[in-house]
Amino acid sequence: MSDAVEIEVDNRVVRVSNPDRVYFPDAGATKLDVVEYYLAVGPGIVNALWERPCMLHRFPKGLAGDKVHQKRLPAGAPDWVETVQLYFPRWGRTADELCVTELGAVIWAVQMSTVEFHPWNSRRGQTEQPDEWRIDLDPGPESSYDSVRKVAHVAHEVLAELGAVGYPKTSGSKGLHVYVRIRPDGDHKVVRRAALAFAREVERRAPDLVTTTWWKKDRDPEHVFVDYNQNARDHTIAAAYSLRGLPDARVSTPIRWDEIDDADPRDFTIHTVPKRFAEIGDLHEDIDDHVFDIAPLLEWADRDDAEGASEPPPVDEDPADAH
């Protein structure tokens, strides 16, 4: 077993220790395989993380060991790895989170046993004002992926009517995500309010498939939850092209709208996505060129309020400690 290898990334050299350590036993993927995966999708993962505070999901012993949710940048980072300082009122303290501006920082995070990258929906220049609205289609325990597909089409229909360009991707688990670039005009509460108004419209159009019920115990287990809460402050989901900590080394993968009906999340893995990326590139590459003004959604929210719609409880920050 090799003790370490040196990886050249643009003008950086990253020393990767324990390259032969098995991270995904079922997929037969090692730490070095994880490094090579992220090198293969480099422009895509950097685009997804660019200048966003990023929480790391680390597996120091691979999937067989404990998972560490880490906000604070691991110790020992080279001086070229950039960060952004965030304040967490719940804990009364700050954390310097990874802020990717180059592929070398991604590979260094992998050296520090990172498998999953979970960025904020805002950038370091305006951390309290999101520029990304996230639509999370989360199937209930008795819901099928076919239901997720159907709900995705309804969401696409509503987005088209609004004039918004949505960028879908598999979650890398059981659901689908759709990202929409927005103007960074409002805070997280404003964006969450807009996301709730959108979710309610999708629910109105597909009441037999969709729920926006706040309490998990009260949701129909066969319904898909349109999770507007993912737009709350410090709520993060796996980035486009992020690996997931699942036995088959699945990837949260951008797909085209016309792939929704046939694309199976299980087909997008550490072994298959590099070839797909080499052939079609980053499907989210031009997301910054299609910026949506959420004002119509806030008008829907005002309408819902006037009609007596109940507001869900406020969302606190992620209860995970800022370690």
C-alpha atoms as a PDB file:
ATOM      1  CA  MET A   1       0.000   0.000   0.000  1.00  0.00           C
ATOM      2  CA  SER A   2       1.373   3.422  -0.962  1.00  0.00           C
ATOM      3  CA  ASP A   3       1.916   5.916   1.849  1.00  0.00           C
ATOM      4  CA  ALA A   4       1.210   8.942  -0.318  1.00  0.00           C
ATOM      5  CA  VAL A   5       1.110  10.279  -3.860  1.00  0.00           C
ATOM      6  CA  GLU A   6       1.503  13.797  -5.175  1.00  0.00           C
ATOM      7  CA  ILE A   7      -1.271  15.116  -7.406  1.00  0.00           C
ATOM      8  CA  GLU A   8      -0.664  18.050  -9.723  1.00  0.00           C
ATOM      9  CA  VAL A   9      -3.737  20.271 -10.065  1.00  0.00           C
ATOM     10  CA  ASP A  10      -3.178  23.258 -12.330  1.00  0.00           C
ATOM     11  CA  ASN A  11      -0.360  25.142 -10.537  1.00  0.00           C
ATOM     12  CA  ARG A  12      -0.814  23.309  -7.224  1.00  0.00           C
ATOM     13  CA  VAL A  13       0.614  20.084  -5.863  1.00  0.00           C
ATOM     14  CA  VAL A  14      -1.536  18.211  -3.336  1.00  0.00           C
ATOM     15  CA  ARG A  15      -0.067  15.366  -1.325  1.00  0.00           C
ATOM     16  CA  VAL A  16      -2.638  12.589  -0.916  1.00  0.00           C
ATOM     17  CA  SER A  17      -1.959  10.193   1.932  1.00  0.00           C
ATOM     18  CA  ASN A  18      -3.312   6.639   2.099  1.00  0.00           C
ATOM     19  CA  PRO A  19      -4.362   6.651  -1.581  1.00  0.00           C
ATOM     20  CA  ASP A  20      -5.191   2.927  -1.486  1.00  0.00           C
ATOM     21  CA  ARG A  21      -7.583   3.193   1.445  1.00  0.00           C
ATOM     22  CA  VAL A  22     -10.944   1.769   0.353  1.00  0.00           C
ATOM     23  CA  TYR A  23     -13.651   4.402   0.694  1.00  0.00           C
ATOM     24  CA  PHE A  24     -16.525   2.607  -1.048  1.00  0.00           C
ATOM     25  CA  PRO A  25     -16.207  -1.156  -0.421  1.00  0.00           C
ATOM     26  CA  ASP A  26     -19.213  -2.116  -2.575  1.00  0.00           C
ATOM     27  CA  ALA A  27     -17.999  -0.032  -5.506  1.00  0.00           C
ATOM     28  CA  GLY A  28     -14.343  -0.966  -4.988  1.00  0.00           C
ATOM     29  CA  ALA A  29     -13.361   2.708  -4.950  1.00  0.00           C
ATOM     30  CA  THR A  30     -10.337   4.011  -3.062  1.00  0.00           C
ATOM     31  CA  LYS A  31      -9.357   7.440  -1.836  1.00  0.00           C
ATOM     32  CA  LEU A  32      -7.291   7.893  -5.000  1.00  0.00           C
ATOM     33  CA  ASP A  33     -10.347   6.946  -7.070  1.00  0.00           C
ATOM     34  CA  VAL A  34     -12.238   9.752  -5.311  1.00  0.00           C
ATOM     35  CA  VAL A  35      -9.427  12.162  -6.192  1.00  0.00           C
ATOM     36  CA  GLU A  36      -9.434  11.038  -9.821  1.00  0.00           C
ATOM     37  CA  TYR A  37     -13.220  11.337  -9.993  1.00  0.00           C
ATOM     38  CA  TYR A  38     -13.156  14.974  -8.881  1.00  0.00           C
ATOM     39  CA  LEU A  39     -10.314  15.717 -11.297  1.00  0.00           C
ATOM     40  CA  ALA A  40     -12.441  14.262 -14.108  1.00  0.00           C
ATOM     41  CA  VAL A  41     -15.417  16.531 -13.330  1.00  0.00           C
ATOM     42  CA  GLY A  42     -13.256  19.464 -12.253  1.00  0.00           C
ATOM     43  CA  PRO A  43     -14.969  22.331 -14.103  1.00  0.00           C
ATOM     44  CA  GLY A  44     -18.378  21.074 -12.987  1.00  0.00           C
ATOM     45  CA  ILE A  45     -17.640  20.751  -9.276  1.00  0.00           C
ATOM     46  CA  VAL A  46     -15.787  24.088  -9.204  1.00  0.00           C
ATOM     47  CA  ASN A  47     -18.723  25.797 -10.940  1.00  0.00           C
ATOM     48  CA  ALA A  48     -21.117  24.305  -8.400  1.00  0.00           C
ATOM     49  CA  LEU A  49     -19.011  25.404  -5.417  1.00  0.00           C
ATOM     50  CA  TRP A  50     -17.581  28.668  -6.715  1.00  0.00           C
ATOM     51  CA  GLU A  51     -17.172  31.159  -3.837  1.00  0.00           C
ATOM     52  CA  ARG A  52     -19.873  29.476  -1.730  1.00  0.00           C
ATOM     53  CA  PRO A  53     -19.409  28.628   1.949  1.00  0.00           C
ATOM     54  CA  CYS A  54     -19.121  24.861   1.896  1.00  0.00           C
ATOM     55  CA  MET A  55     -19.837  22.259   4.548  1.00  0.00           C
ATOM     56  CA  LEU A  56     -17.791  19.085   4.225  1.00  0.00           C
ATOM     57  CA  HIS A  57     -19.029  15.545   4.798  1.00  0.00           C
ATOM     58  CA  ARG A  58     -15.884  13.631   5.702  1.00  0.00           C
ATOM     59  CA  PHE A  59     -15.292   9.908   6.051  1.00  0.00           C
ATOM     60  CA  PRO A  60     -11.828   9.560   7.636  1.00  0.00           C
ATOM     61  CA  LYS A  61     -12.018   5.750   7.504  1.00  0.00           C
ATOM     62  CA  GLY A  62     -14.168   5.483   4.393  1.00  0.00           C
ATOM     63  CA  LEU A  63     -17.839   4.524   4.488  1.00  0.00           C
ATOM     64  CA  ALA A  64     -17.059   1.799   6.999  1.00  0.00           C
ATOM     65  CA  GLY A  65     -16.217   4.438   9.598  1.00  0.00           C
ATOM     66  CA  ASP A  66     -17.970   7.443  11.098  1.00  0.00           C
ATOM     67  CA  LYS A  67     -19.203  10.370   9.031  1.00  0.00           C
ATOM     68  CA  VAL A  68     -18.115  13.847  10.122  1.00  0.00           C
ATOM     69  CA  HIS A  69     -20.191  16.926   9.265  1.00  0.00           C
ATOM     70  CA  GLN A  70     -17.655  19.733   9.270  1.00  0.00           C
ATOM     71  CA  LYS A  71     -18.313  23.420   8.883  1.00  0.00           C
ATOM     72  CA  ARG A  72     -14.926  24.652  10.038  1.00  0.00           C
ATOM     73  CA  LEU A  73     -12.014  24.178   7.610  1.00  0.00           C
ATOM     74  CA  PRO A  74      -9.848  21.260   8.754  1.00  0.00           C
ATOM     75  CA  ALA A  75      -6.524  22.258  10.275  1.00  0.00           C
ATOM     76  CA  GLY A  76      -3.384  22.260   8.178  1.00  0.00           C
ATOM     77  CA  ALA A  77      -4.769  23.840   5.009  1.00  0.00           C
ATOM     78  CA  PRO A  78      -2.214  25.419   2.673  1.00  0.00           C
ATOM     79  CA  ASP A  79      -2.402  29.211   2.531  1.00  0.00           C
ATOM     80  CA  TRP A  80      -3.892  29.137  -0.978  1.00  0.00           C
ATOM     81  CA  VAL A  81      -7.062  27.331   0.171  1.00  0.00           C
ATOM     82  CA  GLU A  82      -9.614  30.104   0.612  1.00  0.00           C
ATOM     83  CA  THR A  83     -12.290  30.439   3.279  1.00  0.00           C
ATOM     84  CA  VAL A  84     -15.207  32.650   4.294  1.00  0.00           C
ATOM     85  CA  GLN A  85     -16.087  33.452   7.892  1.00  0.00           C
ATOM     86  CA  LEU A  86     -19.685  32.880   8.957  1.00  0.00           C
ATOM     87  CA  TYR A  87     -21.414  33.743  12.214  1.00  0.00           C
ATOM     88  CA  PHE A  88     -23.769  31.257  13.855  1.00  0.00           C
ATOM     89  CA  PRO A  89     -26.067  33.090  16.311  1.00  0.00           C
ATOM     90  CA  ARG A  90     -27.362  29.861  17.800  1.00  0.00           C
ATOM     91  CA  TRP A  91     -23.875  28.991  19.019  1.00  0.00           C
ATOM     92  CA  GLY A  92     -22.570  32.530  19.420  1.00  0.00           C
ATOM     93  CA  ARG A  93     -19.448  31.788  17.414  1.00  0.00           C
ATOM     94  CA  THR A  94     -17.935  31.875  13.961  1.00  0.00           C
ATOM     95  CA  ALA A  95     -16.548  29.281  11.599  1.00  0.00           C
ATOM     96  CA  ASP A  96     -14.198  29.691   8.663  1.00  0.00           C
ATOM     97  CA  GLU A  97     -15.708  27.470   5.969  1.00  0.00           C
ATOM     98  CA  LEU A  98     -14.059  26.271   2.790  1.00  0.00           C
ATOM     99  CA  CYS A  99     -14.719  28.604  -0.129  1.00  0.00           C
ATOM    100  CA  VAL A 100     -13.686  26.972  -3.396  1.00  0.00           C
ATOM    101  CA  THR A 101     -12.098  29.156  -6.061  1.00  0.00           C
ATOM    102  CA  GLU A 102     -10.001  26.471  -7.769  1.00  0.00           C
ATOM    103  CA  LEU A 103      -9.923  22.722  -8.266  1.00  0.00           C
ATOM    104  CA  GLY A 104      -6.881  22.318  -6.047  1.00  0.00           C
ATOM    105  CA  ALA A 105      -9.017  23.223  -3.017  1.00  0.00           C
ATOM    106  CA  VAL A 106     -11.449  20.439  -3.877  1.00  0.00           C
ATOM    107  CA  ILE A 107      -8.626  17.902  -4.126  1.00  0.00           C
ATOM    108  CA  TRP A 108      -7.112  19.136  -0.857  1.00  0.00           C
ATOM    109  CA  ALA A 109     -10.517  18.624   0.811  1.00  0.00           C
ATOM    110  CA  VAL A 110     -10.558  15.066  -0.556  1.00  0.00           C
ATOM    111  CA  GLN A 111      -7.095  14.560   0.936  1.00  0.00           C
ATOM    112  CA  MET A 112      -8.757  15.541   4.231  1.00  0.00           C
ATOM    113  CA  SER A 113     -11.234  12.659   3.678  1.00  0.00           C
ATOM    114  CA  THR A 114     -14.074  14.714   2.209  1.00  0.00           C
ATOM    115  CA  VAL A 115     -16.502  12.731   0.070  1.00  0.00           C
ATOM    116  CA  GLU A 116     -19.491  15.100  -0.126  1.00  0.00           C
ATOM    117  CA  PHE A 117     -19.530  18.873  -0.718  1.00  0.00           C
ATOM    118  CA  HIS A 118     -22.544  20.802   0.591  1.00  0.00           C
ATOM    119  CA  PRO A 119     -22.434  24.487  -0.423  1.00  0.00           C
ATOM    120  CA  TRP A 120     -24.635  27.353   0.734  1.00  0.00           C
ATOM    121  CA  ASN A 121     -27.050  28.938  -1.733  1.00  0.00           C
ATOM    122  CA  SER A 122     -25.219  32.265  -1.369  1.00  0.00           C
ATOM    123  CA  ARG A 123     -21.704  33.418  -2.168  1.00  0.00           C
ATOM    124  CA  ARG A 124     -19.056  34.897   0.089  1.00  0.00           C
ATOM    125  CA  GLY A 125     -19.597  38.457  -1.168  1.00  0.00           C
ATOM    126  CA  GLN A 126     -23.213  38.379   0.063  1.00  0.00           C
ATOM    127  CA  THR A 127     -23.539  35.398   2.367  1.00  0.00           C
ATOM    128  CA  GLU A 128     -26.885  36.566   3.758  1.00  0.00           C
ATOM    129  CA  GLN A 129     -28.454  37.094   0.329  1.00  0.00           C
ATOM    130  CA  PRO A 130     -28.884  33.888  -1.717  1.00  0.00           C
ATOM    131  CA  ASP A 131     -28.371  33.882  -5.450  1.00  0.00           C
ATOM    132  CA  GLU A 132     -29.656  30.322  -5.834  1.00  0.00           C
ATOM    133  CA  TRP A 133     -33.208  29.088  -5.291  1.00  0.00           C
ATOM    134  CA  ARG A 134     -33.275  25.340  -4.672  1.00  0.00           C
ATOM    135  CA  ILE A 135     -36.261  23.111  -5.363  1.00  0.00           C
ATOM    136  CA  ASP A 136     -35.833  19.821  -3.522  1.00  0.00           C
ATOM    137  CA  LEU A 137     -38.207  17.019  -4.503  1.00  0.00           C
ATOM    138  CA  ASP A 138     -37.994  14.644  -1.552  1.00  0.00           C
ATOM    139  CA  PRO A 139     -40.022  11.420  -1.861  1.00  0.00           C
ATOM    140  CA  GLY A 140     -41.856  10.089   1.166  1.00  0.00           C
ATOM    141  CA  PRO A 141     -40.990   6.620   2.502  1.00  0.00           C
ATOM    142  CA  GLU A 142     -43.727   5.015   0.392  1.00  0.00           C
ATOM    143  CA  SER A 143     -43.344   7.262  -2.651  1.00  0.00           C
ATOM    144  CA  SER A 144     -41.830   5.959  -5.886  1.00  0.00           C
ATOM    145  CA  TYR A 145     -39.178   7.593  -8.016  1.00  0.00           C
ATOM    146  CA  ASP A 146     -41.765   7.664 -10.793  1.00  0.00           C
ATOM    147  CA  SER A 147     -43.758  10.054  -8.607  1.00  0.00           C
ATOM    148  CA  VAL A 148     -40.667  12.242  -8.273  1.00  0.00           C
ATOM    149  CA  ARG A 149     -40.419  12.325 -12.063  1.00  0.00           C
ATOM    150  CA  LYS A 150     -44.065  13.372 -12.404  1.00  0.00           C
ATOM    151  CA  VAL A 151     -43.657  16.130  -9.849  1.00  0.00           C
ATOM    152  CA  ALA A 152     -40.521  17.332 -11.641  1.00  0.00           C
ATOM    153  CA  HIS A 153     -42.556  17.815 -14.803  1.00  0.00           C
ATOM    154  CA  VAL A 154     -45.153  19.846 -12.890  1.00  0.00           C
ATOM    155  CA  ALA A 155     -42.405  21.981 -11.389  1.00  0.00           C
ATOM    156  CA  HIS A 156     -40.927  22.473 -14.868  1.00  0.00           C
ATOM    157  CA  GLU A 157     -44.319  23.583 -16.151  1.00  0.00           C
ATOM    158  CA  VAL A 158     -44.675  26.198 -13.401  1.00  0.00           C
ATOM    159  CA  LEU A 159     -41.118  27.421 -13.923  1.00  0.00           C
ATOM    160  CA  ALA A 160     -41.771  27.823 -17.653  1.00  0.00           C
ATOM    161  CA  GLU A 161     -44.883  29.891 -16.961  1.00  0.00           C
ATOM    162  CA  LEU A 162     -42.853  32.104 -14.646  1.00  0.00           C
ATOM    163  CA  GLY A 163     -40.123  32.505 -17.246  1.00  0.00           C
ATOM    164  CA  ALA A 164     -37.564  30.881 -14.957  1.00  0.00           C
ATOM    165  CA  VAL A 165     -34.875  28.510 -16.232  1.00  0.00           C
ATOM    166  CA  GLY A 166     -34.505  25.491 -13.970  1.00  0.00           C
ATOM    167  CA  TYR A 167     -31.447  23.257 -13.877  1.00  0.00           C
ATOM    168  CA  PRO A 168     -32.298  19.729 -12.692  1.00  0.00           C
ATOM    169  CA  LYS A 169     -29.995  17.166 -11.143  1.00  0.00           C
ATOM    170  CA  THR A 170     -30.375  13.896  -9.340  1.00  0.00           C
ATOM    171  CA  SER A 171     -29.928  14.230  -5.597  1.00  0.00           C
ATOM    172  CA  GLY A 172     -27.610  11.250  -5.615  1.00  0.00           C
ATOM    173  CA  SER A 173     -30.058   9.516  -3.319  1.00  0.00           C
ATOM    174  CA  LYS A 174     -33.821   9.170  -3.802  1.00  0.00           C
ATOM    175  CA  GLY A 175     -34.909  12.570  -5.066  1.00  0.00           C
ATOM    176  CA  LEU A 176     -34.362  15.336  -7.575  1.00  0.00           C
ATOM    177  CA  HIS A 177     -33.150  18.901  -7.200  1.00  0.00           C
ATOM    178  CA  VAL A 178     -33.806  21.866  -9.473  1.00  0.00           C
ATOM    179  CA  TYR A 179     -31.680  25.000  -9.174  1.00  0.00           C
ATOM    180  CA  VAL A 180     -32.682  28.461 -10.370  1.00  0.00           C
ATOM    181  CA  ARG A 181     -30.271  31.373 -10.380  1.00  0.00           C
ATOM    182  CA  ILE A 182     -31.852  34.451  -8.760  1.00  0.00           C
ATOM    183  CA  ARG A 183     -30.921  38.032  -8.036  1.00  0.00           C
ATOM    184  CA  PRO A 184     -29.340  38.311  -4.561  1.00  0.00           C
ATOM    185  CA  ASP A 185     -31.870  40.900  -3.394  1.00  0.00           C
ATOM    186  CA  GLY A 186     -33.446  39.211  -0.381  1.00  0.00           C
ATOM    187  CA  ASP A 187     -32.258  37.276   2.641  1.00  0.00           C
ATOM    188  CA  HIS A 188     -32.767  33.567   3.257  1.00  0.00           C
ATOM    189  CA  LYS A 189     -36.183  34.124   4.843  1.00  0.00           C
ATOM    190  CA  VAL A 190     -37.394  35.958   1.746  1.00  0.00           C
ATOM    191  CA  VAL A 191     -36.126  33.243  -0.593  1.00  0.00           C
ATOM    192  CA  ARG A 192     -37.638  30.514   1.605  1.00  0.00           C
ATOM    193  CA  ARG A 193     -40.977  32.363   1.525  1.00  0.00           C
ATOM    194  CA  ALA A 194     -40.835  32.502  -2.275  1.00  0.00           C
ATOM    195  CA  ALA A 195     -39.894  28.809  -2.411  1.00  0.00           C
ATOM    196  CA  LEU A 196     -42.885  27.936  -0.224  1.00  0.00           C
ATOM    197  CA  ALA A 197     -45.228  29.849  -2.544  1.00  0.00           C
ATOM    198  CA  PHE A 198     -43.847  27.889  -5.491  1.00  0.00           C
ATOM    199  CA  ALA A 199     -44.188  24.600  -3.624  1.00  0.00           C
ATOM    200  CA  ARG A 200     -47.820  25.369  -2.835  1.00  0.00           C
ATOM    201  CA  GLU A 201     -48.527  26.038  -6.505  1.00  0.00           C
ATOM    202  CA  VAL A 202     -46.991  22.682  -7.456  1.00  0.00           C
ATOM    203  CA  GLU A 203     -49.112  21.065  -4.733  1.00  0.00           C
ATOM    204  CA  ARG A 204     -52.281  22.695  -6.100  1.00  0.00           C
ATOM    205  CA  ARG A 205     -51.564  21.249  -9.530  1.00  0.00           C
ATOM    206  CA  ALA A 206     -50.667  17.766  -8.303  1.00  0.00           C
ATOM    207  CA  PRO A 207     -52.503  17.272  -4.980  1.00  0.00           C
ATOM    208  CA  ASP A 208     -52.395  13.487  -5.288  1.00  0.00           C
ATOM    209  CA  LEU A 209     -48.609  13.502  -5.566  1.00  0.00           C
ATOM    210  CA  VAL A 210     -47.302  16.494  -3.607  1.00  0.00           C
ATOM    211  CA  THR A 211     -47.245  17.700  -0.029  1.00  0.00           C
ATOM    212  CA  THR A 212     -45.976  20.884   1.597  1.00  0.00           C
ATOM    213  CA  THR A 213     -47.005  19.792   5.109  1.00  0.00           C
ATOM    214  CA  TRP A 214     -44.461  21.021   7.632  1.00  0.00           C
ATOM    215  CA  TRP A 215     -44.412  18.167  10.138  1.00  0.00           C
ATOM    216  CA  LYS A 216     -42.983  14.958   8.757  1.00  0.00           C
ATOM    217  CA  LYS A 217     -45.331  12.836  10.879  1.00  0.00           C
ATOM    218  CA  ASP A 218     -48.335  14.536   9.251  1.00  0.00           C
ATOM    219  CA  ARG A 219     -47.258  13.999   5.628  1.00  0.00           C
ATOM    220  CA  ASP A 220     -48.764  11.335   3.410  1.00  0.00           C
ATOM    221  CA  PRO A 221     -45.905   8.820   3.090  1.00  0.00           C
ATOM    222  CA  GLU A 222     -46.788   8.270  -0.579  1.00  0.00           C
ATOM    223  CA  HIS A 223     -46.383  11.948  -1.455  1.00  0.00           C
ATOM    224  CA  VAL A 224     -43.348  13.920  -2.583  1.00  0.00           C
ATOM    225  CA  PHE A 225     -42.388  16.754  -0.242  1.00  0.00           C
ATOM    226  CA  VAL A 226     -41.351  19.915  -2.095  1.00  0.00           C
ATOM    227  CA  ASP A 227     -38.803  20.948   0.507  1.00  0.00           C
ATOM    228  CA  TYR A 228     -38.704  24.743   0.528  1.00  0.00           C
ATOM    229  CA  ASN A 229     -36.745  24.583   3.804  1.00  0.00           C
ATOM    230  CA  GLN A 230     -33.562  23.887   1.855  1.00  0.00           C
ATOM    231  CA  ASN A 231     -33.499  27.632   1.159  1.00  0.00           C
ATOM    232  CA  ALA A 232     -33.195  28.516   4.844  1.00  0.00           C
ATOM    233  CA  ARG A 233     -29.921  29.871   6.202  1.00  0.00           C
ATOM    234  CA  ASP A 234     -27.233  27.234   6.670  1.00  0.00           C
ATOM    235  CA  HIS A 235     -29.335  24.480   5.113  1.00  0.00           C
ATOM    236  CA  THR A 236     -27.269  22.772   2.462  1.00  0.00           C
ATOM    237  CA  ILE A 237     -27.635  19.937  -0.006  1.00  0.00           C
ATOM    238  CA  ALA A 238     -25.053  18.058  -2.022  1.00  0.00           C
ATOM    239  CA  ALA A 239     -23.601  20.055  -4.886  1.00  0.00           C
ATOM    240  CA  ALA A 240     -23.875  19.140  -8.526  1.00  0.00           C
ATOM    241  CA  TYR A 241     -21.187  16.505  -9.210  1.00  0.00           C
ATOM    242  CA  SER A 242     -20.721  15.759  -5.515  1.00  0.00           C
ATOM    243  CA  LEU A 243     -20.288  12.132  -4.621  1.00  0.00           C
ATOM    244  CA  ARG A 244     -22.695  10.796  -2.000  1.00  0.00           C
ATOM    245  CA  GLY A 245     -21.766   8.617   0.924  1.00  0.00           C
ATOM    246  CA  LEU A 246     -23.713   5.628  -0.352  1.00  0.00           C
ATOM    247  CA  PRO A 247     -22.317   2.127  -0.970  1.00  0.00           C
ATOM    248  CA  ASP A 248     -22.571   2.386  -4.772  1.00  0.00           C
ATOM    249  CA  ALA A 249     -20.653   5.711  -4.837  1.00  0.00           C
ATOM    250  CA  ARG A 250     -23.526   7.555  -6.436  1.00  0.00           C
ATOM    251  CA  VAL A 251     -23.181  11.122  -7.744  1.00  0.00           C
ATOM    252  CA  SER A 252     -25.586  14.070  -7.611  1.00  0.00           C
ATOM    253  CA  THR A 253     -25.661  14.502 -11.379  1.00  0.00           C
ATOM    254  CA  PRO A 254     -27.030  17.257 -13.640  1.00  0.00           C
ATOM    255  CA  ILE A 255     -29.476  15.917 -16.205  1.00  0.00           C
ATOM    256  CA  ARG A 256     -31.512  17.444 -19.016  1.00  0.00           C
ATOM    257  CA  TRP A 257     -35.255  17.889 -18.676  1.00  0.00           C
ATOM    258  CA  ASP A 258     -35.764  15.409 -21.500  1.00  0.00           C
ATOM    259  CA  GLU A 259     -33.836  12.804 -19.499  1.00  0.00           C
ATOM    260  CA  ILE A 260     -36.131  12.954 -16.468  1.00  0.00           C
ATOM    261  CA  ASP A 261     -38.349  10.025 -17.508  1.00  0.00           C
ATOM    262  CA  ASP A 262     -35.510   7.632 -18.296  1.00  0.00           C
ATOM    263  CA  ALA A 263     -32.628   8.692 -16.052  1.00  0.00           C
ATOM    264  CA  ASP A 264     -32.126   6.365 -13.086  1.00  0.00           C
ATOM    265  CA  PRO A 265     -30.130   7.893 -10.189  1.00  0.00           C
ATOM    266  CA  ARG A 266     -28.453   4.532  -9.624  1.00  0.00           C
ATOM    267  CA  ASP A 267     -26.786   4.792 -13.036  1.00  0.00           C
ATOM    268  CA  PHE A 268     -24.771   7.895 -12.093  1.00  0.00           C
ATOM    269  CA  THR A 269     -21.758   6.792 -10.086  1.00  0.00           C
ATOM    270  CA  ILE A 270     -18.052   7.402  -9.568  1.00  0.00           C
ATOM    271  CA  HIS A 271     -17.475   4.955 -12.432  1.00  0.00           C
ATOM    272  CA  THR A 272     -19.956   6.333 -15.004  1.00  0.00           C
ATOM    273  CA  VAL A 273     -20.145  10.101 -14.510  1.00  0.00           C
ATOM    274  CA  PRO A 274     -16.579  10.913 -15.683  1.00  0.00           C
ATOM    275  CA  LYS A 275     -17.325   9.465 -19.133  1.00  0.00           C
ATOM    276  CA  ARG A 276     -20.654  11.308 -19.273  1.00  0.00           C
ATOM    277  CA  PHE A 277     -18.929  14.551 -18.278  1.00  0.00           C
ATOM    278  CA  ALA A 278     -16.236  14.067 -20.925  1.00  0.00           C
ATOM    279  CA  GLU A 279     -18.925  13.595 -23.559  1.00  0.00           C
ATOM    280  CA  ILE A 280     -21.458  16.335 -22.686  1.00  0.00           C
ATOM    281  CA  GLY A 281     -19.665  18.673 -20.288  1.00  0.00           C
ATOM    282  CA  ASP A 282     -21.310  20.564 -17.441  1.00  0.00           C
ATOM    283  CA  LEU A 283     -25.069  20.854 -17.993  1.00  0.00           C
ATOM    284  CA  HIS A 284     -25.165  23.638 -15.377  1.00  0.00           C
ATOM    285  CA  GLU A 285     -22.360  25.614 -16.998  1.00  0.00           C
ATOM    286  CA  ASP A 286     -24.528  28.552 -18.117  1.00  0.00           C
ATOM    287  CA  ILE A 287     -26.757  28.833 -15.039  1.00  0.00           C
ATOM    288  CA  ASP A 288     -25.387  32.308 -14.266  1.00  0.00           C
ATOM    289  CA  ASP A 289     -26.689  33.511 -17.635  1.00  0.00           C
ATOM    290  CA  HIS A 290     -30.325  32.941 -16.629  1.00  0.00           C
ATOM    291  CA  VAL A 291     -31.157  35.049 -13.594  1.00  0.00           C
ATOM    292  CA  PHE A 292     -34.747  35.081 -12.323  1.00  0.00           C
ATOM    293  CA  ASP A 293     -36.483  37.789 -10.287  1.00  0.00           C
ATOM    294  CA  ILE A 294     -38.529  36.091  -7.544  1.00  0.00           C
ATOM    295  CA  ALA A 295     -40.980  39.025  -7.266  1.00  0.00           C
ATOM    296  CA  PRO A 296     -43.868  36.989  -8.807  1.00  0.00           C
ATOM    297  CA  LEU A 297     -43.363  34.283  -6.195  1.00  0.00           C
ATOM    298  CA  LEU A 298     -43.514  36.857  -3.407  1.00  0.00           C
ATOM    299  CA  GLU A 299     -46.802  38.091  -4.885  1.00  0.00           C
ATOM    300  CA  TRP A 300     -48.058  34.503  -4.705  1.00  0.00           C
ATOM    301  CA  ALA A 301     -46.917  34.397  -1.074  1.00  0.00           C
ATOM    302  CA  ASP A 302     -48.858  37.591  -0.321  1.00  0.00           C
ATOM    303  CA  ARG A 303     -51.933  36.065  -1.982  1.00  0.00           C
ATOM    304  CA  ASP A 304     -51.584  32.899   0.068  1.00  0.00           C
ATOM    305  CA  ASP A 305     -51.294  34.971   3.253  1.00  0.00           C
ATOM    306  CA  ALA A 306     -54.398  36.956   2.339  1.00  0.00           C
ATOM    307  CA  GLU A 307     -56.278  33.705   1.792  1.00  0.00           C
ATOM    308  CA  GLY A 308     -55.304  32.486   5.246  1.00  0.00           C
ATOM    309  CA  ALA A 309     -52.562  29.994   4.407  1.00  0.00           C
ATOM    310  CA  SER A 310     -50.780  28.913   7.556  1.00  0.00           C
ATOM    311  CA  GLU A 311     -47.110  29.800   7.836  1.00  0.00           C
ATOM    312  CA  PRO A 312     -44.755  27.008   8.902  1.00  0.00           C
ATOM    313  CA  PRO A 313     -42.644  27.605  11.998  1.00  0.00           C
ATOM    314  CA  PRO A 314     -39.410  29.547  11.483  1.00  0.00           C
ATOM    315  CA  VAL A 315     -36.383  27.448  10.682  1.00  0.00           C
ATOM    316  CA  ASP A 316     -33.371  27.683  12.963  1.00  0.00           C
ATOM    317  CA  GLU A 317     -29.921  27.068  11.645  1.00  0.00           C
ATOM    318  CA  ASP A 318     -28.736  23.566  11.101  1.00  0.00           C
ATOM    319  CA  PRO A 319     -28.520  22.030  14.594  1.00  0.00           C
ATOM    320  CA  ALA A 320     -25.205  20.396  13.689  1.00  0.00           C
ATOM    321  CA  ASP A 321     -22.448  22.008  15.685  1.00  0.00           C
ATOM    322  CA  ALA A 322     -20.124  24.396  13.871  1.00  0.00           C
ATOM    323  CA  HIS A 323     -17.156  22.131  14.547  1.00  0.00           C
END
